[in-house]
N, C-alpha and C. Protein backbone atom coordinates (compact mmCIF):
# COMPACT_ATOMS: atom_id res chain seq x y z
N UNK A 1 24.69 184.98 6.45
CA UNK A 1 25.88 184.42 5.88
C UNK A 1 26.32 185.32 4.78
N UNK A 2 27.57 185.73 4.71
CA UNK A 2 28.10 186.69 3.62
C UNK A 2 28.43 185.92 2.41
N UNK A 3 28.04 186.54 1.42
CA UNK A 3 28.53 185.88 0.01
C UNK A 3 29.55 186.71 -0.51
N UNK A 4 30.25 186.21 -1.51
CA UNK A 4 31.45 187.02 -2.17
C UNK A 4 30.87 188.34 -2.70
N UNK A 5 29.56 188.50 -3.07
CA UNK A 5 29.10 189.65 -3.56
C UNK A 5 29.13 190.71 -2.44
N UNK A 6 28.82 190.40 -1.37
CA UNK A 6 28.76 191.41 -0.13
C UNK A 6 30.04 191.60 0.48
N UNK A 7 31.10 190.98 0.15
CA UNK A 7 32.32 191.18 0.84
C UNK A 7 32.93 192.48 0.43
N UNK A 8 33.65 193.08 1.33
CA UNK A 8 34.22 194.39 1.14
C UNK A 8 35.76 194.49 1.34
N UNK A 9 36.45 195.27 0.65
CA UNK A 9 37.90 195.30 0.99
C UNK A 9 38.21 196.02 2.29
N UNK A 10 39.38 196.33 2.64
CA UNK A 10 39.83 197.00 3.87
C UNK A 10 39.37 198.46 3.76
N UNK A 11 39.18 198.89 2.45
CA UNK A 11 38.80 200.37 2.39
C UNK A 11 37.16 200.37 2.45
N UNK A 12 36.48 199.34 2.59
CA UNK A 12 34.87 199.54 2.44
C UNK A 12 34.35 199.41 1.15
N UNK A 13 35.23 199.18 0.05
CA UNK A 13 34.68 199.22 -1.37
C UNK A 13 34.41 197.72 -1.61
N UNK A 14 33.13 197.54 -2.10
CA UNK A 14 32.80 196.09 -2.50
C UNK A 14 33.95 195.41 -3.26
N UNK A 15 34.18 194.24 -2.86
CA UNK A 15 35.26 193.48 -3.62
C UNK A 15 34.98 193.28 -5.09
N UNK A 16 33.72 193.11 -5.43
CA UNK A 16 33.35 192.85 -6.86
C UNK A 16 33.63 194.11 -7.59
N UNK A 17 33.53 195.34 -7.00
CA UNK A 17 33.78 196.51 -7.66
C UNK A 17 35.35 196.73 -7.90
N UNK A 18 35.97 196.31 -6.97
CA UNK A 18 37.58 196.51 -7.14
C UNK A 18 38.04 195.53 -8.36
N UNK A 19 37.43 194.26 -8.36
CA UNK A 19 37.66 193.24 -9.40
C UNK A 19 37.34 193.72 -10.76
N UNK A 20 36.11 194.43 -10.85
CA UNK A 20 35.68 194.97 -12.06
C UNK A 20 36.59 196.00 -12.54
N UNK A 21 37.00 196.96 -11.81
CA UNK A 21 37.88 198.02 -12.09
C UNK A 21 39.27 197.47 -12.64
N UNK A 22 39.72 196.38 -11.97
CA UNK A 22 41.13 195.97 -12.31
C UNK A 22 40.91 195.15 -13.74
N UNK A 23 39.89 194.40 -13.87
CA UNK A 23 39.57 193.77 -15.11
C UNK A 23 39.48 194.78 -16.17
N UNK A 24 38.62 195.85 -15.99
CA UNK A 24 38.59 196.77 -17.08
C UNK A 24 39.91 197.40 -17.43
N UNK A 25 40.68 197.66 -16.46
CA UNK A 25 42.09 198.31 -16.78
C UNK A 25 42.90 197.34 -17.50
N UNK A 26 43.00 196.12 -17.18
CA UNK A 26 43.65 195.02 -17.89
C UNK A 26 43.13 195.02 -19.37
N UNK A 27 42.04 194.87 -19.54
CA UNK A 27 41.47 194.86 -20.92
C UNK A 27 41.64 196.04 -21.90
N UNK A 28 41.64 197.22 -21.17
CA UNK A 28 41.88 198.50 -21.79
C UNK A 28 43.32 198.50 -22.29
N UNK A 29 44.22 198.20 -21.33
CA UNK A 29 45.77 198.11 -21.69
C UNK A 29 45.97 197.15 -22.64
N UNK A 30 45.38 195.96 -22.65
CA UNK A 30 45.59 194.98 -23.61
C UNK A 30 45.11 195.33 -24.99
N UNK A 31 44.18 196.23 -25.06
CA UNK A 31 43.67 196.85 -26.32
C UNK A 31 44.61 198.00 -26.74
N UNK A 32 45.44 198.41 -25.95
CA UNK A 32 46.37 199.48 -26.29
C UNK A 32 45.74 200.92 -26.31
N UNK A 33 44.77 201.00 -25.43
CA UNK A 33 43.96 202.22 -25.38
C UNK A 33 44.41 203.02 -24.05
N UNK A 34 44.34 204.38 -24.20
CA UNK A 34 44.45 205.31 -23.00
C UNK A 34 43.03 205.37 -22.40
N UNK A 35 42.93 205.68 -21.15
CA UNK A 35 41.67 206.00 -20.58
C UNK A 35 40.85 206.95 -21.40
N UNK A 36 41.47 207.97 -21.87
CA UNK A 36 40.82 208.97 -22.74
C UNK A 36 40.16 208.32 -23.92
N UNK A 37 40.88 207.49 -24.60
CA UNK A 37 40.40 206.72 -25.90
C UNK A 37 39.34 205.77 -25.48
N UNK A 38 39.37 205.09 -24.41
CA UNK A 38 38.40 204.01 -23.97
C UNK A 38 37.15 204.79 -23.57
N UNK A 39 37.19 205.83 -22.76
CA UNK A 39 36.10 206.49 -22.45
C UNK A 39 35.38 207.19 -23.70
N UNK A 40 36.03 207.69 -24.63
CA UNK A 40 35.52 208.23 -25.70
C UNK A 40 34.67 207.02 -26.63
N UNK A 41 35.30 206.02 -26.68
CA UNK A 41 34.70 205.02 -27.37
C UNK A 41 33.53 204.27 -26.64
N UNK A 42 33.39 204.60 -25.53
CA UNK A 42 32.21 204.05 -24.62
C UNK A 42 31.26 205.15 -24.36
N UNK A 43 31.53 206.27 -24.92
CA UNK A 43 30.61 207.51 -24.90
C UNK A 43 30.47 208.06 -23.43
N UNK A 44 31.62 208.10 -22.79
CA UNK A 44 31.47 208.55 -21.43
C UNK A 44 32.71 209.53 -21.25
N UNK A 45 32.51 210.26 -20.09
CA UNK A 45 33.66 211.34 -19.66
C UNK A 45 34.83 210.52 -19.11
N UNK A 46 36.04 211.05 -19.33
CA UNK A 46 37.33 210.29 -19.09
C UNK A 46 37.32 210.23 -17.40
N UNK A 47 36.95 211.31 -16.77
CA UNK A 47 37.06 211.11 -15.22
C UNK A 47 36.14 210.03 -14.74
N UNK A 48 34.89 209.97 -15.34
CA UNK A 48 34.06 208.75 -14.81
C UNK A 48 34.77 207.53 -15.08
N UNK A 49 35.21 207.53 -16.36
CA UNK A 49 35.84 206.03 -16.78
C UNK A 49 36.92 205.75 -15.86
N UNK A 50 37.65 206.85 -15.44
CA UNK A 50 38.91 206.45 -14.51
C UNK A 50 38.41 206.07 -13.14
N UNK A 51 37.31 206.63 -12.67
CA UNK A 51 36.69 206.26 -11.50
C UNK A 51 36.19 204.92 -11.45
N UNK A 52 35.81 204.42 -12.60
CA UNK A 52 35.24 202.91 -12.71
C UNK A 52 36.47 202.16 -12.58
N UNK A 53 37.61 202.37 -13.10
CA UNK A 53 38.81 201.63 -13.09
C UNK A 53 39.39 201.70 -11.52
N UNK A 54 39.26 202.67 -10.82
CA UNK A 54 39.76 202.80 -9.58
C UNK A 54 38.72 202.47 -8.47
N UNK A 55 37.61 202.04 -9.01
CA UNK A 55 36.53 201.53 -8.14
C UNK A 55 35.87 202.52 -7.21
N UNK A 56 35.95 203.86 -7.51
CA UNK A 56 35.25 204.90 -6.92
C UNK A 56 33.76 204.75 -7.21
N UNK A 57 33.49 204.41 -8.43
CA UNK A 57 31.97 204.32 -8.93
C UNK A 57 31.78 202.88 -9.40
N UNK A 58 30.50 202.43 -9.32
CA UNK A 58 30.21 201.27 -10.02
C UNK A 58 29.42 201.53 -11.30
N UNK A 59 29.39 200.63 -12.25
CA UNK A 59 28.83 200.79 -13.58
C UNK A 59 27.49 200.32 -13.70
N UNK A 60 26.71 201.10 -14.36
CA UNK A 60 25.30 200.80 -14.67
C UNK A 60 25.36 199.62 -15.77
N UNK A 61 24.37 198.70 -15.34
CA UNK A 61 24.26 197.57 -16.41
C UNK A 61 24.01 198.22 -17.90
N UNK A 62 23.48 199.40 -18.00
CA UNK A 62 23.14 199.98 -19.33
C UNK A 62 24.40 200.45 -19.98
N UNK A 63 25.52 200.55 -19.29
CA UNK A 63 26.65 201.04 -19.95
C UNK A 63 27.74 199.90 -20.13
N UNK A 64 27.37 198.57 -19.59
CA UNK A 64 28.31 197.41 -19.80
C UNK A 64 28.61 197.29 -21.27
N UNK A 65 27.53 197.03 -22.33
CA UNK A 65 27.85 196.83 -23.64
C UNK A 65 28.73 197.85 -24.23
N UNK A 66 28.63 199.10 -23.92
CA UNK A 66 29.51 200.11 -24.50
C UNK A 66 30.96 200.09 -24.05
N UNK A 67 30.99 199.75 -22.61
CA UNK A 67 32.48 199.57 -22.15
C UNK A 67 33.10 198.26 -22.88
N UNK A 68 32.35 197.23 -22.95
CA UNK A 68 32.82 195.95 -23.70
C UNK A 68 33.41 196.27 -25.09
N UNK A 69 32.46 196.84 -25.93
CA UNK A 69 32.72 197.23 -27.17
C UNK A 69 34.03 198.14 -27.29
N UNK A 70 34.11 199.11 -26.35
CA UNK A 70 35.28 200.08 -26.30
C UNK A 70 36.60 199.23 -26.09
N UNK A 71 36.64 198.24 -25.28
CA UNK A 71 37.90 197.45 -25.06
C UNK A 71 37.98 196.28 -25.92
N UNK A 72 36.95 196.03 -26.82
CA UNK A 72 37.12 194.99 -27.84
C UNK A 72 36.72 193.62 -27.31
N UNK A 73 35.84 193.56 -26.36
CA UNK A 73 35.46 192.19 -25.92
C UNK A 73 34.08 192.02 -25.66
N UNK A 74 33.54 190.73 -25.75
CA UNK A 74 31.92 190.53 -25.52
C UNK A 74 31.77 190.99 -23.92
N UNK A 75 30.61 191.30 -23.55
CA UNK A 75 30.24 192.03 -22.24
C UNK A 75 30.61 190.93 -21.07
N UNK A 76 30.39 189.76 -21.41
CA UNK A 76 30.65 188.70 -20.22
C UNK A 76 32.13 188.79 -19.72
N UNK A 77 33.06 189.07 -20.74
CA UNK A 77 34.42 189.07 -20.48
C UNK A 77 34.85 190.15 -19.47
N UNK A 78 34.02 191.19 -19.25
CA UNK A 78 34.34 192.31 -18.31
C UNK A 78 34.28 191.67 -16.81
N UNK A 79 33.67 190.58 -16.72
CA UNK A 79 33.22 189.87 -15.45
C UNK A 79 34.04 188.58 -15.14
N UNK A 80 34.98 188.26 -16.14
CA UNK A 80 35.51 186.86 -16.03
C UNK A 80 36.99 187.03 -16.33
N UNK A 81 37.81 186.29 -15.59
CA UNK A 81 39.32 186.16 -15.88
C UNK A 81 39.54 185.41 -17.06
N UNK A 82 40.68 185.59 -17.68
CA UNK A 82 41.11 184.81 -18.75
C UNK A 82 41.84 183.48 -18.21
């Protein structure tokens, strides 16, 4: 039985990774930040940050708090819709 966590998009990218990337972009834009500024605030390279938003990479749990702080939300809000 497939769960929502194992579902994949038409491109083969895990659905939860796509959703996380879209959510991260929304929160960054809401905070009025560029990818460069958000990446710097999170202590990561801009190209890696951009790949998180575009779902090319998944994020390590170790980086979640820094990403959340960079876009000005508690960590759980990276995973939930408003």
